[in-house]
N, C-alpha and C. Protein backbone atom coordinates (compact mmCIF):
# COMPACT_ATOMS: atom_id res chain seq x y z
N MET A 1 99.56 139.47 100.04
CA MET A 1 98.79 138.46 100.04
C MET A 1 99.01 137.45 98.72
N ALA A 2 99.42 137.98 97.94
CA ALA A 2 99.85 137.67 96.65
C ALA A 2 100.98 136.40 96.63
N LYS A 3 101.81 137.01 97.65
CA LYS A 3 102.85 135.84 97.90
C LYS A 3 102.46 134.87 98.68
N HIS A 4 101.90 135.31 99.56
CA HIS A 4 101.55 133.86 100.30
C HIS A 4 100.59 133.10 99.74
N ASN A 5 99.77 133.24 98.89
CA ASN A 5 98.80 132.49 98.07
C ASN A 5 99.83 131.68 96.84
N SER A 6 100.55 132.33 96.69
CA SER A 6 101.78 131.62 95.49
C SER A 6 102.32 130.62 96.13
N ASN A 7 102.86 130.82 97.38
CA ASN A 7 103.60 129.76 98.07
C ASN A 7 102.76 128.74 98.54
N ARG A 8 101.53 128.97 98.99
CA ARG A 8 100.73 128.12 99.33
C ARG A 8 100.44 127.14 98.03
N HIS A 9 100.46 127.58 96.61
CA HIS A 9 100.06 126.73 95.46
C HIS A 9 100.89 126.03 95.19
N ALA A 10 102.50 126.47 95.10
CA ALA A 10 103.60 125.83 95.05
C ALA A 10 103.78 124.59 96.13
N ARG A 11 103.38 124.72 97.48
CA ARG A 11 103.42 123.73 98.41
C ARG A 11 102.21 122.72 97.58
N ASN A 12 101.26 123.22 97.40
CA ASN A 12 100.18 122.24 96.86
C ASN A 12 100.92 121.50 95.81
N GLN A 13 101.48 122.11 94.75
CA GLN A 13 101.96 121.05 93.67
C GLN A 13 102.83 120.29 93.68
N ARG A 14 103.92 120.69 94.70
CA ARG A 14 104.87 119.72 94.75
C ARG A 14 104.35 118.72 95.85
N ARG A 15 103.24 118.64 96.62
CA ARG A 15 102.56 117.58 97.34
C ARG A 15 101.88 116.69 96.13
N GLN A 16 101.12 117.21 95.21
CA GLN A 16 100.39 116.35 94.36
C GLN A 16 101.38 115.56 93.37
N THR A 17 102.60 116.42 93.12
CA THR A 17 103.76 115.67 92.19
C THR A 17 104.26 114.46 93.05
N GLY A 18 104.48 114.86 94.63
CA GLY A 18 104.89 113.66 95.38
C GLY A 18 103.95 112.61 95.33
N LEU A 19 102.45 112.56 95.56
CA LEU A 19 101.62 111.64 95.64
C LEU A 19 101.61 111.11 94.47
N ALA A 20 101.56 111.85 93.11
CA ALA A 20 101.61 111.27 91.96
C ALA A 20 102.74 110.28 92.03
N ARG A 21 103.86 110.61 92.19
CA ARG A 21 105.27 109.68 92.30
C ARG A 21 105.11 108.48 93.17
N GLN A 22 104.43 108.64 94.21
CA GLN A 22 104.36 107.62 94.85
C GLN A 22 103.20 106.51 94.46
N ARG A 23 102.30 107.11 93.86
CA ARG A 23 101.11 106.33 93.43
C ARG A 23 101.94 105.40 92.43
N TRP A 24 102.85 105.96 91.23
CA TRP A 24 103.28 105.10 90.32
C TRP A 24 104.13 104.15 90.92
N LEU A 25 105.04 104.59 91.95
CA LEU A 25 106.03 103.54 92.82
C LEU A 25 105.26 102.46 93.14
N TRP A 26 103.99 102.81 93.85
CA TRP A 26 103.06 101.65 94.13
C TRP A 26 102.43 100.49 93.02
N ILE A 27 102.09 101.15 92.11
CA ILE A 27 101.73 100.68 90.74
C ILE A 27 102.78 99.90 90.14
N GLY A 28 104.14 100.30 90.03
CA GLY A 28 105.15 99.71 89.70
C GLY A 28 105.48 98.32 90.50
N ALA A 29 105.50 98.56 91.77
CA ALA A 29 105.77 97.47 92.73
C ALA A 29 104.87 96.41 92.66
N ALA A 30 103.42 96.87 92.36
CA ALA A 30 102.27 95.72 92.37
C ALA A 30 102.63 95.04 91.19
N LEU A 31 102.79 96.02 90.00
CA LEU A 31 103.01 95.25 88.65
C LEU A 31 104.46 93.78 88.91
N LEU A 32 105.29 94.58 89.58
CA LEU A 32 106.53 93.60 89.54
C LEU A 32 106.27 92.33 90.25
N GLY A 33 105.29 92.62 91.33
CA GLY A 33 105.12 91.55 92.23
C GLY A 33 104.17 90.24 91.46
N VAL A 34 103.28 90.80 90.52
CA VAL A 34 102.43 90.17 89.79
C VAL A 34 103.33 89.22 88.80
N VAL A 35 104.32 89.83 88.37
CA VAL A 35 105.25 89.32 87.03
C VAL A 35 106.07 88.20 88.11
N ALA A 36 106.51 88.48 89.28
CA ALA A 36 107.44 87.55 90.14
C ALA A 36 106.32 86.47 90.22
N VAL A 37 105.16 86.55 90.62
CA VAL A 37 104.32 85.36 90.88
C VAL A 37 103.97 84.60 89.70
N VAL A 38 103.75 85.19 88.73
CA VAL A 38 103.29 84.38 87.71
C VAL A 38 104.91 83.54 87.06
N ALA A 39 106.04 84.40 87.06
CA ALA A 39 107.02 83.73 86.81
C ALA A 39 107.55 82.45 87.76
N ALA A 40 107.34 82.55 88.92
CA ALA A 40 107.35 81.60 89.74
C ALA A 40 106.41 80.28 89.67
N VAL A 41 105.21 80.87 89.25
CA VAL A 41 104.33 79.59 88.99
C VAL A 41 104.65 78.60 87.78
N ASN A 42 105.19 79.27 86.71
CA ASN A 42 105.70 79.08 85.38
C ASN A 42 106.91 77.93 85.50
N PHE A 43 107.80 78.69 86.03
CA PHE A 43 109.07 78.16 86.23
C PHE A 43 109.61 77.19 87.57
N TRP A 44 108.58 77.11 88.31
CA TRP A 44 108.92 76.34 89.74
C TRP A 44 108.85 74.70 89.16
N PRO A 45 109.83 74.23 89.50
CA PRO A 45 109.80 72.74 89.29
C PRO A 45 108.80 72.02 90.10
N ARG A 46 107.95 71.20 89.64
CA ARG A 46 106.80 70.52 89.88
C ARG A 46 107.03 69.35 90.62
N ALA A 47 106.22 68.87 91.40
CA ALA A 47 106.61 67.46 92.31
C ALA A 47 106.43 66.33 91.46
N GLY A 48 105.02 66.45 90.55
CA GLY A 48 105.03 65.22 90.12
C GLY A 48 105.56 65.21 88.43
N ALA A 49 106.32 65.89 88.28
CA ALA A 49 106.92 66.15 86.76
C ALA A 49 107.84 65.21 86.45
N SER A 50 107.37 64.44 85.57
CA SER A 50 108.20 63.19 85.17
C SER A 50 109.23 63.65 84.23
N ALA A 51 110.24 62.78 84.43
CA ALA A 51 111.64 62.85 83.35
C ALA A 51 111.06 62.99 81.93
N GLN A 52 112.00 63.96 81.31
CA GLN A 52 111.55 63.85 79.62
C GLN A 52 112.33 62.63 79.21
N LEU A 53 111.59 62.09 78.23
CA LEU A 53 112.13 60.69 77.52
C LEU A 53 112.45 61.06 76.41
N SER A 54 113.72 60.19 75.92
CA SER A 54 114.15 60.76 74.57
C SER A 54 113.20 59.81 73.71
N ALA A 55 113.33 60.26 72.29
CA ALA A 55 112.70 59.54 71.25
C ALA A 55 113.08 58.09 71.18
N ALA A 56 114.35 57.88 71.23
CA ALA A 56 115.08 56.52 71.14
C ALA A 56 114.49 55.72 72.12
N ARG A 57 114.24 56.21 73.22
CA ARG A 57 113.71 55.48 74.31
C ARG A 57 112.45 54.86 74.14
N LEU A 58 111.55 55.96 73.63
CA LEU A 58 110.01 55.81 73.34
C LEU A 58 109.69 54.70 72.21
N VAL A 59 110.60 54.74 71.41
CA VAL A 59 110.45 53.67 70.25
C VAL A 59 110.76 52.29 70.75
N SER A 60 111.95 52.01 71.66
CA SER A 60 112.06 50.89 72.18
C SER A 60 111.40 50.32 73.34
N ASP A 61 110.65 51.47 74.02
CA ASP A 61 109.93 51.09 74.95
C ASP A 61 108.59 52.06 75.22
N PRO A 62 107.60 52.02 74.65
CA PRO A 62 106.78 53.24 74.74
C PRO A 62 105.93 52.93 75.85
N SER A 63 105.98 52.39 76.80
CA SER A 63 105.30 52.55 78.10
C SER A 63 105.97 52.57 79.23
N LEU A 64 105.37 53.18 80.20
CA LEU A 64 106.03 53.53 81.63
C LEU A 64 105.45 52.68 82.46
N GLY A 65 106.09 52.33 83.60
CA GLY A 65 105.58 51.30 84.57
C GLY A 65 105.75 49.51 84.02
N PRO A 66 105.22 48.89 85.31
CA PRO A 66 105.46 47.43 84.72
C PRO A 66 104.26 46.94 84.24
N PRO A 67 104.68 45.94 83.09
CA PRO A 67 103.85 45.56 81.79
C PRO A 67 102.45 44.83 82.69
N THR A 68 102.62 44.61 83.77
CA THR A 68 101.39 43.64 84.57
C THR A 68 100.42 44.89 85.48
N ALA A 69 100.75 45.96 85.53
CA ALA A 69 100.12 46.71 86.34
C ALA A 69 98.49 47.18 85.96
N PRO A 70 97.69 47.11 86.72
CA PRO A 70 96.31 47.09 86.38
C PRO A 70 96.14 48.58 85.94
N ILE A 71 95.18 48.64 85.04
CA ILE A 71 94.72 49.79 84.32
C ILE A 71 92.95 49.87 84.46
N THR A 72 92.59 51.13 84.68
CA THR A 72 91.04 51.11 84.61
C THR A 72 90.55 51.93 83.22
N LEU A 73 89.55 51.70 81.99
CA LEU A 73 89.43 52.63 81.18
C LEU A 73 87.95 53.28 81.33
N VAL A 74 88.00 54.33 81.26
CA VAL A 74 86.74 55.41 81.37
C VAL A 74 86.17 55.47 79.99
N GLU A 75 85.16 55.28 79.71
CA GLU A 75 84.67 55.88 78.41
C GLU A 75 83.56 56.69 78.78
N TYR A 76 83.41 57.73 77.66
CA TYR A 76 82.57 58.86 77.87
C TYR A 76 81.93 59.08 76.56
N GLY A 77 80.66 59.18 76.46
CA GLY A 77 80.01 59.52 75.45
C GLY A 77 78.80 60.62 75.56
N ASP A 78 78.62 61.29 74.65
CA ASP A 78 77.55 62.43 74.76
C ASP A 78 76.64 62.11 73.46
N PHE A 79 75.56 61.50 73.78
CA PHE A 79 74.49 60.85 72.83
C PHE A 79 73.48 61.89 72.61
N GLY A 80 73.40 63.13 73.23
CA GLY A 80 72.23 64.35 73.24
C GLY A 80 72.18 64.89 72.06
């Protein structure tokens, strides 16, 4: 009987070790997925991103668009 119990104990230990290893693999895969999504969001080119302007261009022409373009000024105030 003692040998039978020790075999069962060894099988249980192997199963628990395998389950723990599998759990860590899932945690690692989930973490890798989160890192991939964060990297994609941060480094993916945006559709509305404007081209970078050099400092020399900004000195000579500090505005973008036509000079006759209509504008809307919105003022906010908190007097409370």
